[in-house]
């Protein structure tokens, strides 16, 4: 077994390791190099994917302000969604309808991307030993990152738009004709309850939609932390997925499971409504608020988990990329994200 020194880039050969792993010194520059214990690929990959989720949860408990930009983006997403359902008046032109749908979806995708960039800027300042500054984060997000984020948001919006069109075609004629606004209707709309049956086809579309979204989220740290341009950021994200598929798929699965668990508390309310049991408007108001919080935490977990994976990749590259990802220290944004500045 051998490693590459992260400081002088010289190879370190003939490293012995025990069950727990140990550290050795590079003979060229005396840099301390950590030697981890070897583990099995599949089981370790799942465990490390779970660890990314766990550390994401630990971080938001200690720094809840990180989720504030994402909640603001939920307000935008919810507003656009409800406007499209209850306010916008349809036209007879299919082209105009498709164009308006794309514009709405682009607004939502761009707002989510910008909110995640804000969160990543907060992390960069926090891990550089600086106070979180909304003014500074706004300046960096708008004047440094926005021009790079827009092309990614456009590509994401286009794919999202195509998925929406496919769904509309598949459930044509099944839509609820009652478009009068109500808190119950708004809650059901924001929860994604469209009265269409769940099939393997719709499930596959949802899985693909999430895959695209998490790939976009994996590209955002490349823009925010390494100042990469859109094509390079997307290429880096795809490269990480190809190199470390187990960790990515575990993160993909666990974030989806976490979102389902978060929506369980309000499920009985929708069941009662389906049974035509009257529910006070104030209850629906709090259901909508809860949906916003759950959606915020879901997007946060997706972005933070893949952000930690990206940071882990940066650490892996520092050590020469000569061994398995799990052979390197796992990222902890409260301690190890100084790699962002050292890169």
Protein backbone atom coordinates (compact mmCIF):
# COMPACT_ATOMS: atom_id res chain seq x y z
CA UNK A 1 0.00 0.00 0.00
CA UNK A 2 1.17 3.55 -0.71
CA UNK A 3 -0.10 7.13 -0.53
CA UNK A 4 0.85 10.45 -2.03
CA UNK A 5 1.84 13.23 0.37
CA UNK A 6 -0.72 16.06 0.05
CA UNK A 7 1.98 18.72 0.58
CA UNK A 8 5.01 17.74 -1.49
CA UNK A 9 3.20 15.23 -3.73
CA UNK A 10 5.89 12.60 -3.20
CA UNK A 11 4.84 8.96 -3.03
CA UNK A 12 5.10 7.22 0.34
CA UNK A 13 5.72 3.50 -0.03
CA UNK A 14 5.78 0.49 2.29
CA UNK A 15 3.16 1.68 4.72
CA UNK A 16 1.98 -0.89 7.19
CA UNK A 17 -1.41 -0.58 8.82
CA UNK A 18 -3.21 -2.09 11.76
CA UNK A 19 -6.93 -2.62 12.31
CA UNK A 20 -7.63 0.99 13.16
CA UNK A 21 -5.14 2.56 10.80
CA UNK A 22 -2.39 4.99 11.84
CA UNK A 23 -0.40 8.04 10.74
CA UNK A 24 3.11 8.22 9.27
CA UNK A 25 5.43 11.06 8.36
CA UNK A 26 6.48 11.87 4.81
CA UNK A 27 10.25 11.47 4.64
CA UNK A 28 10.57 14.44 2.26
CA UNK A 29 8.64 17.19 4.07
CA UNK A 30 7.64 15.53 7.38
CA UNK A 31 3.95 16.03 6.59
CA UNK A 32 1.70 13.81 8.71
CA UNK A 33 -0.22 11.42 6.49
CA UNK A 34 -3.17 9.46 7.81
CA UNK A 35 -3.28 5.78 6.94
CA UNK A 36 -6.80 4.39 7.34
CA UNK A 37 -7.75 0.80 7.82
CA UNK A 38 -8.93 -1.03 4.70
CA UNK A 39 -12.64 -1.84 4.50
CA UNK A 40 -15.00 -3.59 2.18
CA UNK A 41 -16.33 -1.50 -0.70
CA UNK A 42 -20.08 -2.08 -0.72
CA UNK A 43 -20.75 -2.08 3.01
CA UNK A 44 -18.36 0.79 3.60
CA UNK A 45 -19.90 2.82 0.78
CA UNK A 46 -23.37 2.51 2.33
CA UNK A 47 -22.03 3.35 5.78
CA UNK A 48 -20.18 6.40 4.47
CA UNK A 49 -23.27 7.57 2.59
CA UNK A 50 -25.24 7.38 5.83
CA UNK A 51 -22.47 9.29 7.61
CA UNK A 52 -22.82 12.13 5.08
CA UNK A 53 -26.53 12.38 5.97
CA UNK A 54 -25.84 12.23 9.70
CA UNK A 55 -23.25 15.00 9.56
CA UNK A 56 -25.60 17.13 7.47
CA UNK A 57 -28.23 16.81 10.21
CA UNK A 58 -25.67 17.60 12.92
CA UNK A 59 -24.64 20.74 11.06
CA UNK A 60 -28.13 22.21 10.67
CA UNK A 61 -28.82 21.60 14.36
CA UNK A 62 -25.76 23.71 15.19
CA UNK A 63 -26.22 26.22 12.35
CA UNK A 64 -29.97 26.50 11.57
CA UNK A 65 -29.36 29.74 9.65
CA UNK A 66 -27.97 27.62 6.81
CA UNK A 67 -31.51 26.57 5.88
CA UNK A 68 -32.90 30.12 5.77
CA UNK A 69 -32.06 30.78 2.08
CA UNK A 70 -33.66 27.47 1.10
CA UNK A 71 -36.86 28.32 2.96
CA UNK A 72 -36.95 31.59 1.02
CA UNK A 73 -36.68 29.62 -2.20
CA UNK A 74 -39.61 27.46 -1.06
CA UNK A 75 -41.68 30.65 -0.79
CA UNK A 76 -40.80 31.38 -4.43
CA UNK A 77 -41.51 27.79 -5.55
CA UNK A 78 -44.82 27.67 -3.67
CA UNK A 79 -45.88 31.07 -5.03
CA UNK A 80 -45.12 30.11 -8.63
CA UNK A 81 -46.84 26.73 -8.22
CA UNK A 82 -50.02 28.22 -6.75
CA UNK A 83 -50.03 31.03 -9.29
CA UNK A 84 -49.86 28.53 -12.12
CA UNK A 85 -52.75 26.50 -10.71
CA UNK A 86 -55.14 29.14 -9.39
CA UNK A 87 -54.32 32.52 -10.99
CA UNK A 88 -52.84 32.00 -14.44
CA UNK A 89 -55.46 31.89 -17.20
CA UNK A 90 -54.74 29.33 -19.89
CA UNK A 91 -54.68 30.26 -23.56
CA UNK A 92 -55.59 28.28 -26.64
CA UNK A 93 -51.99 28.35 -27.91
CA UNK A 94 -49.96 25.29 -27.02
CA UNK A 95 -46.70 27.13 -27.75
CA UNK A 96 -47.56 29.95 -25.37
CA UNK A 97 -48.58 27.48 -22.68
CA UNK A 98 -45.30 25.59 -23.05
CA UNK A 99 -43.29 28.82 -22.97
CA UNK A 100 -45.07 30.08 -19.83
CA UNK A 101 -44.53 26.70 -18.17
CA UNK A 102 -40.82 26.85 -18.97
CA UNK A 103 -40.50 30.37 -17.57
CA UNK A 104 -42.21 29.33 -14.34
CA UNK A 105 -40.00 26.27 -13.99
CA UNK A 106 -36.88 28.33 -14.72
CA UNK A 107 -37.82 30.78 -11.96
CA UNK A 108 -38.15 27.87 -9.54
CA UNK A 109 -34.90 26.17 -10.59
CA UNK A 110 -32.94 29.41 -10.45
CA UNK A 111 -34.32 30.30 -7.00
CA UNK A 112 -33.33 26.88 -5.64
CA UNK A 113 -29.84 27.12 -7.15
CA UNK A 114 -29.29 30.62 -5.77
CA UNK A 115 -30.50 29.63 -2.30
CA UNK A 116 -28.12 26.68 -2.27
CA UNK A 117 -25.27 28.92 -3.42
CA UNK A 118 -26.07 31.25 -0.50
CA UNK A 119 -25.83 28.29 1.88
CA UNK A 120 -22.51 27.18 0.37
CA UNK A 121 -21.18 30.75 0.67
CA UNK A 122 -22.19 30.74 4.35
CA UNK A 123 -20.24 27.52 4.82
CA UNK A 124 -17.18 28.90 3.07
CA UNK A 125 -17.09 31.90 5.38
CA UNK A 126 -17.87 29.85 8.49
CA UNK A 127 -15.09 27.37 7.78
CA UNK A 128 -12.63 30.18 7.04
CA UNK A 129 -13.04 31.41 10.60
CA UNK A 130 -15.23 34.37 9.58
CA UNK A 131 -18.65 35.47 10.72
CA UNK A 132 -21.57 34.53 8.48
CA UNK A 133 -22.39 37.70 6.56
CA UNK A 134 -25.58 38.01 4.53
CA UNK A 135 -24.18 41.08 2.78
CA UNK A 136 -20.97 39.31 1.75
CA UNK A 137 -22.81 36.15 0.75
CA UNK A 138 -25.19 38.23 -1.36
CA UNK A 139 -22.29 40.01 -3.05
CA UNK A 140 -20.49 36.75 -3.88
CA UNK A 141 -23.66 34.97 -4.97
CA UNK A 142 -24.83 37.79 -7.24
CA UNK A 143 -21.61 39.20 -8.68
CA UNK A 144 -19.39 36.09 -8.71
CA UNK A 145 -21.60 33.01 -8.90
CA UNK A 146 -24.86 34.07 -10.55
CA UNK A 147 -23.50 34.27 -14.10
CA UNK A 148 -22.21 30.71 -13.72
CA UNK A 149 -25.35 29.37 -12.07
CA UNK A 150 -27.80 30.65 -14.70
CA UNK A 151 -26.72 28.20 -17.46
CA UNK A 152 -27.00 25.27 -15.04
CA UNK A 153 -30.44 26.48 -13.93
CA UNK A 154 -31.51 26.71 -17.59
CA UNK A 155 -30.41 23.14 -18.35
CA UNK A 156 -32.08 21.87 -15.18
CA UNK A 157 -35.25 23.83 -15.99
CA UNK A 158 -35.36 22.35 -19.49
CA UNK A 159 -35.13 18.77 -18.20
CA UNK A 160 -37.66 19.55 -15.48
CA UNK A 161 -39.96 21.11 -18.11
CA UNK A 162 -39.79 18.02 -20.31
CA UNK A 163 -40.69 15.83 -17.31
CA UNK A 164 -43.67 18.07 -16.49
CA UNK A 165 -44.91 17.88 -20.09
CA UNK A 166 -44.63 14.09 -20.08
CA UNK A 167 -46.62 13.93 -16.83
CA UNK A 168 -49.30 16.22 -18.23
CA UNK A 169 -49.64 14.04 -21.32
CA UNK A 170 -49.82 10.83 -19.28
CA UNK A 171 -52.55 12.11 -16.95
CA UNK A 172 -54.50 14.16 -19.50
CA UNK A 173 -58.17 14.20 -18.57
CA UNK A 174 -57.49 13.13 -14.97
CA UNK A 175 -56.95 16.60 -13.52
CA UNK A 176 -59.24 17.97 -10.86
CA UNK A 177 -61.52 20.54 -12.49
CA UNK A 178 -62.09 22.45 -9.25
CA UNK A 179 -59.56 25.28 -9.52
CA UNK A 180 -61.07 27.57 -6.87
CA UNK A 181 -58.41 28.50 -4.34
CA UNK A 182 -58.61 27.04 -0.85
CA UNK A 183 -56.08 26.28 1.83
CA UNK A 184 -56.84 22.59 1.47
CA UNK A 185 -56.32 22.73 -2.28
CA UNK A 186 -53.08 24.68 -1.81
CA UNK A 187 -51.80 22.15 0.72
CA UNK A 188 -52.63 19.25 -1.59
CA UNK A 189 -51.01 20.98 -4.57
CA UNK A 190 -47.80 21.77 -2.67
CA UNK A 191 -47.71 18.18 -1.40
CA UNK A 192 -47.81 16.93 -4.97
CA UNK A 193 -51.22 15.27 -4.65
CA UNK A 194 -52.60 15.52 -8.17
CA UNK A 195 -55.16 12.69 -8.00
CA UNK A 196 -53.22 10.68 -10.60
CA UNK A 197 -52.41 7.03 -9.85
CA UNK A 198 -48.86 6.02 -8.98
CA UNK A 199 -47.37 3.74 -11.63
CA UNK A 200 -43.93 2.44 -12.42
CA UNK A 201 -43.77 5.10 -15.12
CA UNK A 202 -44.49 8.01 -12.74
CA UNK A 203 -42.16 6.51 -10.16
CA UNK A 204 -39.38 6.29 -12.74
CA UNK A 205 -39.91 9.93 -13.73
CA UNK A 206 -39.70 10.99 -10.08
CA UNK A 207 -36.47 9.03 -9.59
CA UNK A 208 -34.94 10.56 -12.73
CA UNK A 209 -36.07 14.03 -11.64
CA UNK A 210 -34.30 13.57 -8.29
CA UNK A 211 -31.17 12.23 -10.01
CA UNK A 212 -30.95 15.36 -12.18
CA UNK A 213 -31.58 17.61 -9.17
CA UNK A 214 -28.84 16.01 -7.06
CA UNK A 215 -26.41 16.15 -9.98
CA UNK A 216 -27.09 19.88 -10.21
CA UNK A 217 -26.58 20.20 -6.46
CA UNK A 218 -23.27 18.34 -6.78
CA UNK A 219 -22.12 20.86 -9.40
CA UNK A 220 -22.87 23.93 -7.27
CA UNK A 221 -19.93 23.45 -4.83
CA UNK A 222 -17.60 23.39 -7.84
CA UNK A 223 -18.86 26.86 -8.75
CA UNK A 224 -18.96 28.26 -5.23
CA UNK A 225 -15.84 26.72 -3.73
CA UNK A 226 -13.56 26.23 -6.73
CA UNK A 227 -14.82 28.97 -9.08
CA UNK A 228 -15.42 26.53 -11.92
CA UNK A 229 -17.51 27.47 -14.94
CA UNK A 230 -20.79 25.62 -15.67
CA UNK A 231 -19.49 23.01 -18.14
CA UNK A 232 -16.54 22.19 -15.89
CA UNK A 233 -18.77 22.04 -12.80
CA UNK A 234 -21.23 19.62 -14.42
CA UNK A 235 -18.33 17.51 -15.70
CA UNK A 236 -16.86 17.39 -12.20
CA UNK A 237 -20.21 16.36 -10.71
CA UNK A 238 -20.66 13.53 -13.22
CA UNK A 239 -17.07 12.43 -12.63
CA UNK A 240 -17.65 12.17 -8.87
CA UNK A 241 -20.81 10.11 -9.42
CA UNK A 242 -18.93 7.72 -11.72
CA UNK A 243 -15.97 7.37 -9.35
CA UNK A 244 -17.99 6.95 -6.15
CA UNK A 245 -21.41 5.56 -7.15
CA UNK A 246 -22.07 3.71 -3.87
CA UNK A 247 -21.71 6.84 -1.74
CA UNK A 248 -23.84 8.85 -4.17
CA UNK A 249 -26.61 6.24 -4.44
CA UNK A 250 -26.70 5.83 -0.67
CA UNK A 251 -27.08 9.58 -0.28
CA UNK A 252 -29.74 9.55 -2.99
CA UNK A 253 -31.74 6.83 -1.23
CA UNK A 254 -31.42 8.12 2.32
CA UNK A 255 -32.40 11.69 1.45
CA UNK A 256 -35.54 10.35 -0.23
CA UNK A 257 -36.29 8.21 2.81
CA UNK A 258 -35.76 11.19 5.12
CA UNK A 259 -38.22 13.27 3.07
CA UNK A 260 -40.85 10.52 3.23
CA UNK A 261 -40.43 10.27 7.00
CA UNK A 262 -40.81 14.03 7.39
CA UNK A 263 -44.14 13.96 5.54
CA UNK A 264 -45.59 11.12 7.63
CA UNK A 265 -46.96 13.40 10.41
CA UNK A 266 -49.34 15.19 8.01
CA UNK A 267 -50.39 12.07 6.12
CA UNK A 268 -53.39 11.36 8.43
CA UNK A 269 -54.77 14.83 7.67
CA UNK A 270 -54.83 14.13 3.93
CA UNK A 271 -56.41 10.72 4.59
CA UNK A 272 -59.19 12.37 6.64
CA UNK A 273 -59.72 14.93 3.87
CA UNK A 274 -59.98 12.12 1.34
CA UNK A 275 -62.72 10.61 3.48
CA UNK A 276 -64.63 13.92 3.20
CA UNK A 277 -64.13 14.79 6.86
CA UNK A 278 -64.20 18.55 7.38
CA UNK A 279 -60.91 20.01 8.59
CA UNK A 280 -60.62 23.64 9.84
CA UNK A 281 -58.78 26.13 7.63
CA UNK A 282 -56.28 26.89 10.40
CA UNK A 283 -55.16 23.26 10.31
CA UNK A 284 -54.50 23.52 6.57
CA UNK A 285 -52.51 26.71 7.18
CA UNK A 286 -50.19 24.88 9.56
CA UNK A 287 -50.02 21.94 7.14
CA UNK A 288 -48.75 24.30 4.44
CA UNK A 289 -46.22 25.76 6.87
CA UNK A 290 -45.08 22.27 7.81
CA UNK A 291 -44.75 21.37 4.13
CA UNK A 292 -42.48 24.37 3.67
CA UNK A 293 -40.27 23.32 6.56
CA UNK A 294 -40.15 19.70 5.39
CA UNK A 295 -39.37 20.76 1.81
CA UNK A 296 -36.63 23.06 3.10
CA UNK A 297 -35.03 20.30 5.15
CA UNK A 298 -35.29 17.89 2.22
CA UNK A 299 -33.48 20.24 -0.17
CA UNK A 300 -30.97 21.10 2.55
CA UNK A 301 -30.16 17.43 3.13
CA UNK A 302 -29.72 16.79 -0.59
CA UNK A 303 -27.44 19.80 -1.08
CA UNK A 304 -25.44 19.36 2.11
CA UNK A 305 -24.96 15.62 1.67
CA UNK A 306 -23.61 15.97 -1.87
CA UNK A 307 -21.64 19.01 -0.70
CA UNK A 308 -19.93 16.82 1.88
CA UNK A 309 -19.33 14.22 -0.82
CA UNK A 310 -17.73 16.93 -2.97
CA UNK A 311 -15.55 17.99 -0.05
CA UNK A 312 -14.58 14.37 0.49
CA UNK A 313 -13.58 14.21 -3.19
CA UNK A 314 -11.39 17.29 -2.70
CA UNK A 315 -9.70 15.55 0.21
CA UNK A 316 -9.25 12.40 -1.89
CA UNK A 317 -7.63 14.42 -4.66
CA UNK A 318 -5.26 16.08 -2.19
CA UNK A 319 -3.93 12.64 -1.31
CA UNK A 320 -3.22 11.83 -4.93
CA UNK A 321 -6.40 9.86 -5.79
CA UNK A 322 -4.39 6.65 -5.55
CA UNK A 323 -6.60 4.68 -3.16
CA UNK A 324 -10.27 4.20 -2.29
CA UNK A 325 -12.37 7.17 -1.17
CA UNK A 326 -13.09 5.56 2.20
CA UNK A 327 -9.32 5.42 2.82
CA UNK A 328 -9.30 9.16 3.49
CA UNK A 329 -10.61 11.28 6.36
CA UNK A 330 -14.34 11.88 6.07
CA UNK A 331 -15.42 15.53 5.88
CA UNK A 332 -16.83 17.34 8.85
CA UNK A 333 -17.86 20.86 7.89
CA UNK A 334 -17.36 22.05 11.44
CA UNK A 335 -13.71 20.98 11.31
CA UNK A 336 -12.43 19.85 7.93
CA UNK A 337 -13.91 22.24 5.40
CA UNK A 338 -10.77 24.35 5.52
CA UNK A 339 -9.94 22.24 2.48
CA UNK A 340 -12.13 24.76 0.66
CA UNK A 341 -9.56 27.48 1.29
CA UNK A 342 -6.53 25.26 0.99
CA UNK A 343 -7.55 23.99 -2.45
